[in-house]
Amino acid sequence: MDAAELAELLTPDGMALLDRTPAVSDGGEIVRAVSRLRADGHGPRLVAAVLTQAKLRLKARGKFGDFAGRMLFTEAGLEQATRLQVAAQHAGRFAAAGITRVADLGCGIGGDAMAMAALELDVTAVDRDEVTAAVATHNLAVWPNARVELGDAASFDLSSVDGVWMDPARRTSGHSDTRRLSDPDDWSPSLDTVFAAATTTPTGVKLGPGIDRDLIPDTAEAQWTSVDREVVELALWFGPLARPGIRRAATVIGAHGIAEMTGPEDSEDAEVGPLGAYLYEPDGAVIRARLIGDLARALDGHMLSDGIAYVTSDRAVATPFAQGFRVLDTMPLDVKRLSARLAADGIGTVEIKKRGVDVDPAQFRKRLRLRGTGRVTLVLTRLEGRHTAILCERLGDVAG
């Protein structure tokens, strides 16, 4: 969406048309919708903007729930936006620290600023892109304690606020088809600029979960967050926003609610031992935070192999920090023998998990020639130095 399309959309008639236009995704439906709207006398630019926004509103429900129905988006902005339930956690940090005036630098479409404004923080949201800033202005319009400025995050006057939230742009500029930037010096603002601000002002920073851990300052609390088993971000917290004695945190959000595992540093791995009655796959946030050893000890377990993020135990433990499996059997990782075994057991559906072996799960599944009505999980990994298939069944979804 360019500035001209947005200008047409941000009129009473344009917004009314958007609000009564249902989302369409099928190619034929889109063609019919375009024909219908054009026949009603609407111009091609407005029609394109309305249908794009209707599609993005539907897509955005996974991140913003019912709020998506009144918001505006760019494709890149939605892709990079913080989920509302995660943004609420960010906002809560500032509120708990007693910070009342926050600058959201690199605000994008305004997801984090919305959560801050909802907690009655005074928010100044800044973005350097004109269209994105206009979209954020629309999304924040219902909160009088939030304002949007068009500007460069690196030149913002930090003396006007008590705290800063930064989401450095880590992709090339644009509203769609953007490319990831690997060099932190190319981010906007650069990582050096972010860390410099953190030395003078209470600061929170949103980064990709796979960032080089050597870039994480010793002064920061590093918090990895997963939502429904997907690791969505790394947040770094400085000053009073960082919790005393905590340098590593894994926050797990799911059907169970919110659970957190913390530590003063990377935890020491548990010892390696034999396969027990149960196998656990740690949540990705726990793995990223390197708290696997603490998890293993909490499960009365140990590591399955050196350098492989599987934990085994003789206890069935309900935990939000790992997916649990009951071990049924082990076999050499041989596709012909596995195929014969699964056929004999009437297995027709197989979930494949792998760590420490070079296997394409989709291709491996095809070679198994599955037939039957049973289900099983295959964990393909190294066990006592050998490539092994562990036949398992899932423990039920658990709450912490």
Protein backbone atom coordinates (compact mmCIF):
# COMPACT_ATOMS: atom_id res chain seq x y z
CA MET A 1 0.00 0.00 0.00
CA ASP A 2 1.49 3.32 -1.04
CA ALA A 3 0.74 6.80 0.29
CA ALA A 4 -1.84 7.55 -2.42
CA GLU A 5 -3.82 4.36 -1.69
CA LEU A 6 -3.70 5.08 2.04
CA ALA A 7 -4.93 8.64 1.49
CA GLU A 8 -7.98 7.34 -0.39
CA LEU A 9 -8.62 4.71 2.25
CA LEU A 10 -8.39 7.16 5.16
CA THR A 11 -11.58 8.99 4.26
CA PRO A 12 -15.05 8.44 5.78
CA ASP A 13 -16.24 6.76 2.57
CA GLY A 14 -13.09 4.64 2.28
CA MET A 15 -13.21 3.37 5.87
CA ALA A 16 -16.96 2.71 5.63
CA LEU A 17 -16.35 0.65 2.50
CA LEU A 18 -13.58 -1.31 4.22
CA ASP A 19 -15.75 -2.04 7.25
CA ARG A 20 -18.49 -3.56 5.13
CA THR A 21 -16.17 -5.51 2.80
CA PRO A 22 -15.61 -9.13 3.86
CA ALA A 23 -12.19 -10.71 3.45
CA VAL A 24 -11.68 -12.78 0.30
CA SER A 25 -8.77 -15.07 -0.50
CA ASP A 26 -9.83 -17.26 -3.41
CA GLY A 27 -8.74 -15.89 -6.79
CA GLY A 28 -12.23 -16.14 -8.25
CA GLU A 29 -13.76 -14.39 -5.23
CA ILE A 30 -11.23 -11.56 -5.56
CA VAL A 31 -12.07 -11.05 -9.22
CA ARG A 32 -15.78 -10.95 -8.43
CA ALA A 33 -15.23 -8.56 -5.53
CA VAL A 34 -13.20 -6.21 -7.72
CA SER A 35 -15.90 -6.29 -10.41
CA ARG A 36 -18.64 -5.62 -7.86
CA LEU A 37 -16.84 -2.72 -6.20
CA ARG A 38 -15.89 -1.16 -9.53
CA ALA A 39 -19.49 -1.50 -10.74
CA ASP A 40 -20.55 0.41 -7.62
CA GLY A 41 -18.43 3.31 -8.84
CA HIS A 42 -15.32 2.92 -6.67
CA GLY A 43 -11.97 3.73 -8.26
CA PRO A 44 -9.30 1.09 -8.86
CA ARG A 45 -6.89 2.50 -6.26
CA LEU A 46 -9.49 2.47 -3.48
CA VAL A 47 -10.70 -1.00 -4.47
CA ALA A 48 -7.15 -2.36 -4.31
CA ALA A 49 -6.55 -0.75 -0.91
CA VAL A 50 -9.85 -2.00 0.55
CA LEU A 51 -9.38 -5.60 -0.59
CA THR A 52 -5.78 -5.66 0.61
CA GLN A 53 -6.80 -4.40 4.04
CA ALA A 54 -9.72 -6.84 4.26
CA LYS A 55 -7.32 -9.70 3.56
CA LEU A 56 -4.76 -8.43 6.09
CA ARG A 57 -7.40 -7.94 8.79
CA LEU A 58 -8.38 -11.59 8.47
CA LYS A 59 -4.74 -12.69 8.57
CA ALA A 60 -4.06 -10.45 11.57
CA ARG A 61 -6.62 -12.12 13.83
CA GLY A 62 -3.98 -14.64 14.91
CA LYS A 63 -1.87 -11.81 16.34
CA PHE A 64 -4.45 -9.23 17.36
CA GLY A 65 -7.72 -11.11 17.87
CA ASP A 66 -10.82 -8.94 17.68
CA PHE A 67 -8.70 -5.77 17.57
CA ALA A 68 -7.70 -6.70 14.00
CA GLY A 69 -11.20 -5.82 12.79
CA ARG A 70 -10.62 -2.09 13.32
CA MET A 71 -6.89 -1.86 12.55
CA LEU A 72 -4.94 -1.05 9.39
CA PHE A 73 -1.83 -2.90 8.24
CA THR A 74 0.98 -3.12 5.75
CA GLU A 75 2.07 -6.60 4.73
CA ALA A 76 5.57 -6.13 6.15
CA GLY A 77 4.21 -4.39 9.23
CA LEU A 78 1.89 -7.27 10.06
CA GLU A 79 4.61 -9.85 9.51
CA GLN A 80 6.96 -8.03 11.89
CA ALA A 81 4.36 -6.92 14.45
CA THR A 82 4.42 -8.19 18.02
CA ARG A 83 1.52 -10.45 18.98
CA LEU A 84 -0.83 -8.59 21.30
CA GLN A 85 -0.44 -11.10 24.14
CA VAL A 86 3.35 -10.69 23.95
CA ALA A 87 3.10 -6.90 23.68
CA ALA A 88 1.04 -6.96 26.87
CA GLN A 89 3.98 -8.64 28.63
CA HIS A 90 6.30 -5.89 27.36
CA ALA A 91 3.96 -3.15 28.55
CA GLY A 92 3.66 -4.82 31.94
CA ARG A 93 7.42 -4.56 32.42
CA PHE A 94 7.34 -0.79 32.07
CA ALA A 95 4.31 -0.44 34.33
CA ALA A 96 5.84 -2.68 37.01
CA ALA A 97 9.04 -0.60 36.94
CA GLY A 98 7.04 2.57 37.60
CA ILE A 99 7.85 4.04 34.18
CA THR A 100 5.01 6.24 32.92
CA ARG A 101 6.44 7.92 29.79
CA VAL A 102 7.67 5.53 27.11
CA ALA A 103 9.06 6.04 23.62
CA ASP A 104 8.34 3.19 21.20
CA LEU A 105 11.13 3.73 18.69
CA GLY A 106 10.56 1.86 15.45
CA CYS A 107 6.91 1.39 16.34
CA GLY A 108 5.83 -0.21 13.06
CA ILE A 109 2.05 -0.52 12.90
CA GLY A 110 1.84 0.18 16.65
CA GLY A 111 1.23 -3.20 18.30
CA ASP A 112 3.50 -2.60 21.30
CA ALA A 113 2.36 1.02 21.63
CA MET A 114 -1.26 -0.17 21.76
CA ALA A 115 -0.49 -2.44 24.70
CA MET A 116 1.37 0.34 26.52
CA ALA A 117 -1.42 2.84 25.94
CA ALA A 118 -3.97 0.32 27.23
CA LEU A 119 -2.04 0.27 30.54
CA GLU A 120 -2.36 4.07 30.67
CA LEU A 121 1.31 4.71 29.93
CA ASP A 122 2.06 7.91 28.04
CA VAL A 123 3.43 6.66 24.71
CA THR A 124 5.29 8.41 21.93
CA ALA A 125 5.51 6.07 18.93
CA VAL A 126 8.12 6.89 16.30
CA ASP A 127 8.63 5.47 12.82
CA ARG A 128 10.63 6.80 9.90
CA ASP A 129 8.28 5.51 7.17
CA GLU A 130 5.40 7.83 6.27
CA VAL A 131 2.86 5.13 5.41
CA THR A 132 3.72 3.01 8.45
CA ALA A 133 3.48 6.03 10.76
CA ALA A 134 0.06 6.89 9.30
CA VAL A 135 -1.13 3.31 9.85
CA ALA A 136 0.12 3.46 13.45
CA THR A 137 -1.69 6.76 13.94
CA HIS A 138 -4.96 5.12 12.90
CA ASN A 139 -4.35 2.10 15.15
CA LEU A 140 -3.58 4.29 18.18
CA ALA A 141 -6.29 6.88 17.60
CA VAL A 142 -8.57 5.57 20.36
CA TRP A 143 -5.97 6.28 23.06
CA PRO A 144 -5.49 9.97 23.95
CA ASN A 145 -2.28 9.08 25.84
CA ALA A 146 -0.58 7.86 22.63
CA ARG A 147 0.86 9.93 19.80
CA VAL A 148 2.81 9.06 16.66
CA GLU A 149 5.78 10.96 15.28
CA LEU A 150 7.37 10.60 11.86
CA GLY A 151 11.10 10.54 12.48
CA ASP A 152 14.36 8.67 12.93
CA ALA A 153 14.58 6.60 16.10
CA ALA A 154 18.31 7.27 16.37
CA SER A 155 17.76 11.03 16.72
CA PHE A 156 14.87 10.93 19.21
CA ASP A 157 15.36 13.06 22.34
CA LEU A 158 15.48 10.48 25.13
CA SER A 159 15.32 13.16 27.81
CA SER A 160 11.59 13.55 27.11
CA VAL A 161 10.73 10.03 28.34
CA ASP A 162 11.39 7.74 31.31
CA GLY A 163 11.87 4.55 29.32
CA VAL A 164 12.42 3.27 25.78
CA TRP A 165 11.16 0.31 23.80
CA MET A 166 13.11 -0.34 20.60
CA ASP A 167 12.34 -2.68 17.75
CA PRO A 168 15.22 -2.13 15.31
CA ALA A 169 14.24 -2.54 11.66
CA ARG A 170 16.04 -5.72 10.64
CA ARG A 171 14.73 -5.85 7.09
CA THR A 172 15.08 -3.67 4.02
CA SER A 173 12.64 -0.76 3.77
CA GLY A 174 9.27 -1.23 2.11
CA HIS A 175 5.77 -2.49 2.82
CA SER A 176 6.07 -5.95 1.22
CA ASP A 177 8.72 -8.34 -0.14
CA THR A 178 11.35 -7.08 2.29
CA ARG A 179 14.71 -8.79 2.81
CA ARG A 180 16.32 -9.66 6.12
CA LEU A 181 19.49 -7.73 7.06
CA SER A 182 22.11 -9.92 8.75
CA ASP A 183 24.56 -7.20 9.83
CA PRO A 184 23.46 -5.40 13.05
CA ASP A 185 25.22 -2.27 11.77
CA ASP A 186 22.65 -2.13 8.96
CA TRP A 187 19.65 -2.24 11.30
CA SER A 188 17.71 0.95 12.00
CA PRO A 189 18.71 2.00 14.56
CA SER A 190 21.94 0.01 14.64
CA LEU A 191 22.54 -2.33 17.56
CA ASP A 192 25.35 -0.07 18.80
CA THR A 193 22.87 2.85 18.93
CA VAL A 194 20.38 0.69 20.83
CA PHE A 195 22.92 -0.42 23.42
CA ALA A 196 24.21 3.12 23.84
CA ALA A 197 20.69 4.30 24.70
CA ALA A 198 20.41 1.47 27.21
CA THR A 199 23.34 2.89 29.19
CA THR A 200 21.39 6.08 29.99
CA THR A 201 17.69 5.13 29.88
CA PRO A 202 15.68 2.10 31.05
CA THR A 203 15.39 0.18 27.80
CA GLY A 204 13.68 -2.87 26.34
CA VAL A 205 14.73 -4.22 22.95
CA LYS A 206 12.95 -6.67 20.65
CA LEU A 207 15.27 -8.84 18.55
CA GLY A 208 15.01 -12.00 16.51
CA PRO A 209 15.28 -15.17 18.65
CA GLY A 210 18.20 -16.50 16.63
CA ILE A 211 20.52 -13.55 17.20
CA ASP A 212 24.18 -14.34 17.85
CA ARG A 213 24.30 -14.78 21.62
CA ASP A 214 27.75 -13.17 21.73
CA LEU A 215 26.00 -9.87 20.96
CA ILE A 216 23.96 -10.00 24.18
CA PRO A 217 25.48 -7.65 26.80
CA ASP A 218 26.22 -9.07 30.23
CA THR A 219 24.18 -6.22 31.75
CA ALA A 220 20.93 -7.35 30.09
CA GLU A 221 18.23 -9.79 31.07
CA ALA A 222 17.67 -11.91 27.97
CA GLN A 223 14.12 -13.25 27.65
CA TRP A 224 13.11 -15.66 24.89
CA THR A 225 9.36 -15.99 24.34
CA SER A 226 7.44 -18.76 22.57
CA VAL A 227 3.77 -18.75 21.61
CA ASP A 228 2.12 -22.10 20.90
CA ARG A 229 5.57 -23.73 20.68
CA GLU A 230 6.94 -21.16 18.19
CA VAL A 231 9.80 -18.99 19.48
CA VAL A 232 8.77 -15.51 18.39
CA GLU A 233 11.34 -13.12 19.88
CA LEU A 234 14.23 -12.32 22.13
CA ALA A 235 13.68 -9.30 24.39
CA LEU A 236 16.59 -7.65 26.18
CA TRP A 237 15.89 -5.62 29.31
CA PHE A 238 18.20 -3.03 30.84
CA GLY A 239 18.25 -1.01 34.04
CA PRO A 240 15.16 -1.29 36.28
CA LEU A 241 13.36 -3.21 33.51
CA ALA A 242 15.72 -6.14 34.15
CA ARG A 243 14.83 -8.29 37.14
CA PRO A 244 17.47 -8.63 39.87
CA GLY A 245 19.47 -11.84 39.66
CA ILE A 246 17.93 -12.95 36.35
CA ARG A 247 19.96 -13.02 33.15
CA ARG A 248 18.18 -15.81 31.28
CA ALA A 249 14.42 -16.30 30.96
CA ALA A 250 12.19 -18.57 28.88
CA THR A 251 8.57 -17.39 28.70
CA VAL A 252 6.15 -19.96 27.31
CA ILE A 253 2.67 -18.84 26.23
CA GLY A 254 0.01 -21.35 25.22
CA ALA A 255 -3.30 -22.91 26.12
CA HIS A 256 -1.99 -23.33 29.68
CA GLY A 257 -1.53 -19.56 30.00
CA ILE A 258 1.88 -18.05 30.69
CA ALA A 259 4.74 -19.91 32.36
CA GLU A 260 8.33 -18.85 32.88
CA MET A 261 11.65 -20.46 33.69
CA THR A 262 14.49 -18.18 34.77
CA GLY A 263 18.11 -18.39 35.81
CA PRO A 264 21.07 -16.20 36.73
CA GLU A 265 23.01 -17.50 33.71
CA ASP A 266 23.04 -20.34 31.19
CA SER A 267 22.35 -23.51 33.13
CA GLU A 268 24.85 -26.33 33.21
CA ASP A 269 23.67 -29.31 31.16
CA ALA A 270 22.56 -32.38 33.05
CA GLU A 271 24.56 -35.56 32.75
CA VAL A 272 24.00 -37.94 29.84
CA GLY A 273 22.29 -41.18 30.76
CA PRO A 274 20.29 -44.09 29.39
CA LEU A 275 16.88 -43.75 27.77
CA GLY A 276 14.17 -43.80 30.41
CA ALA A 277 10.47 -44.51 30.21
CA TYR A 278 9.70 -40.96 29.02
CA LEU A 279 11.26 -38.56 26.54
CA TYR A 280 10.89 -34.77 26.67
CA GLU A 281 11.43 -32.23 23.94
CA PRO A 282 12.12 -28.85 25.59
CA ASP A 283 10.22 -25.83 24.35
CA GLY A 284 12.24 -23.73 21.92
CA ALA A 285 12.37 -20.82 24.37
CA VAL A 286 13.99 -23.09 26.98
CA ILE A 287 16.51 -24.27 24.39
CA ARG A 288 17.34 -20.73 23.25
CA ALA A 289 17.74 -19.56 26.85
CA ARG A 290 20.01 -22.54 27.53
CA LEU A 291 18.03 -23.63 30.54
CA ILE A 292 17.77 -27.27 29.42
CA GLY A 293 19.87 -28.50 32.34
CA ASP A 294 17.55 -26.85 34.85
CA LEU A 295 14.56 -28.40 33.08
CA ALA A 296 16.16 -31.86 33.13
CA ARG A 297 16.78 -31.63 36.86
CA ALA A 298 13.20 -30.44 37.46
CA LEU A 299 12.04 -33.58 35.63
CA ASP A 300 14.38 -35.84 37.64
CA GLY A 301 15.93 -36.60 34.28
CA HIS A 302 19.14 -36.34 32.29
CA MET A 303 20.28 -35.61 28.74
CA LEU A 304 19.83 -38.29 26.12
CA SER A 305 23.06 -37.40 24.29
CA ASP A 306 25.70 -34.68 24.40
CA GLY A 307 24.70 -31.59 22.45
CA ILE A 308 21.18 -32.84 21.64
CA ALA A 309 18.19 -31.13 23.24
CA TYR A 310 16.27 -34.19 24.39
CA VAL A 311 15.72 -35.02 28.05
CA THR A 312 14.75 -38.43 29.36
CA SER A 313 13.28 -39.50 32.68
CA ASP A 314 11.43 -42.35 34.33
CA ARG A 315 8.76 -39.90 35.54
CA ALA A 316 5.75 -38.62 33.63
CA VAL A 317 5.70 -34.93 34.54
CA ALA A 318 3.18 -32.33 33.42
CA THR A 319 5.15 -29.27 32.35
CA PRO A 320 4.53 -26.37 29.96
CA PHE A 321 8.27 -26.24 29.26
CA ALA A 322 8.47 -29.45 27.23
CA GLN A 323 6.43 -31.87 25.15
CA GLY A 324 6.37 -35.29 26.75
CA PHE A 325 6.33 -38.75 25.14
CA ARG A 326 6.03 -42.24 26.55
CA VAL A 327 8.71 -44.48 25.05
CA LEU A 328 7.35 -47.61 23.38
CA ASP A 329 10.45 -49.09 21.77
CA THR A 330 13.74 -48.31 20.05
CA MET A 331 15.06 -49.51 16.70
CA PRO A 332 18.06 -48.82 14.50
CA LEU A 333 17.36 -45.95 12.11
CA ASP A 334 16.76 -48.26 9.13
CA VAL A 335 13.83 -47.33 6.89
CA LYS A 336 13.10 -50.88 5.72
CA ARG A 337 12.97 -52.32 9.24
CA LEU A 338 10.91 -49.39 10.46
CA SER A 339 8.47 -49.74 7.57
CA ALA A 340 7.98 -53.42 8.32
CA ARG A 341 7.48 -52.74 12.03
CA LEU A 342 4.95 -49.95 11.45
CA ALA A 343 3.03 -52.07 8.95
CA ALA A 344 2.86 -54.95 11.42
CA ASP A 345 1.53 -52.56 14.08
CA GLY A 346 -1.08 -51.09 11.71
CA ILE A 347 0.43 -47.59 11.90
CA GLY A 348 -0.82 -45.21 9.23
CA THR A 349 0.01 -41.82 10.74
CA VAL A 350 3.49 -40.91 11.93
CA GLU A 351 4.73 -37.71 13.55
CA ILE A 352 8.47 -37.41 12.92
CA LYS A 353 10.83 -35.43 15.14
CA LYS A 354 14.57 -35.33 14.68
CA ARG A 355 17.70 -33.98 16.31
CA GLY A 356 21.28 -34.95 15.57
CA VAL A 357 20.52 -36.85 12.35
CA ASP A 358 20.53 -35.68 8.73
CA VAL A 359 17.04 -36.74 7.64
CA ASP A 360 14.34 -34.97 5.65
CA PRO A 361 11.16 -35.91 7.60
CA ALA A 362 8.84 -35.50 4.58
CA GLN A 363 10.95 -37.77 2.38
CA PHE A 364 11.51 -40.24 5.20
CA ARG A 365 7.75 -40.49 5.79
CA LYS A 366 7.15 -41.31 2.11
CA ARG A 367 9.68 -44.13 2.24
CA LEU A 368 7.88 -45.72 5.20
CA ARG A 369 4.89 -46.63 2.94
CA LEU A 370 2.45 -46.14 5.80
CA ARG A 371 -0.89 -47.92 5.93
CA GLY A 372 -3.28 -48.56 8.76
CA THR A 373 -5.21 -46.54 11.32
CA GLY A 374 -2.77 -46.34 14.24
CA ARG A 375 -0.62 -43.37 15.21
CA VAL A 376 2.89 -43.09 16.59
CA THR A 377 5.65 -40.53 17.05
CA LEU A 378 9.10 -41.36 15.71
CA VAL A 379 12.01 -39.51 17.32
CA LEU A 380 15.06 -39.87 15.11
CA THR A 381 18.24 -39.07 17.01
CA ARG A 382 21.54 -40.36 18.34
CA LEU A 383 21.42 -42.76 21.26
CA GLU A 384 24.67 -44.11 22.73
CA GLY A 385 26.46 -42.87 19.62
CA ARG A 386 24.16 -44.69 17.17
CA HIS A 387 21.45 -43.31 14.90
CA THR A 388 18.25 -44.56 16.48
CA ALA A 389 14.49 -44.38 15.98
CA ILE A 390 12.56 -44.09 19.24
CA LEU A 391 8.90 -45.10 18.93
CA CYS A 392 6.74 -42.98 21.27
CA GLU A 393 3.26 -41.89 22.04
CA ARG A 394 2.46 -38.37 23.15
CA LEU A 395 1.50 -37.60 26.67
CA GLY A 396 -1.57 -35.38 26.74
CA ASP A 397 -1.24 -31.60 26.44
CA VAL A 398 -0.19 -30.50 29.88
CA ALA A 399 -0.58 -27.44 32.00
CA GLY A 400 2.02 -26.02 34.30
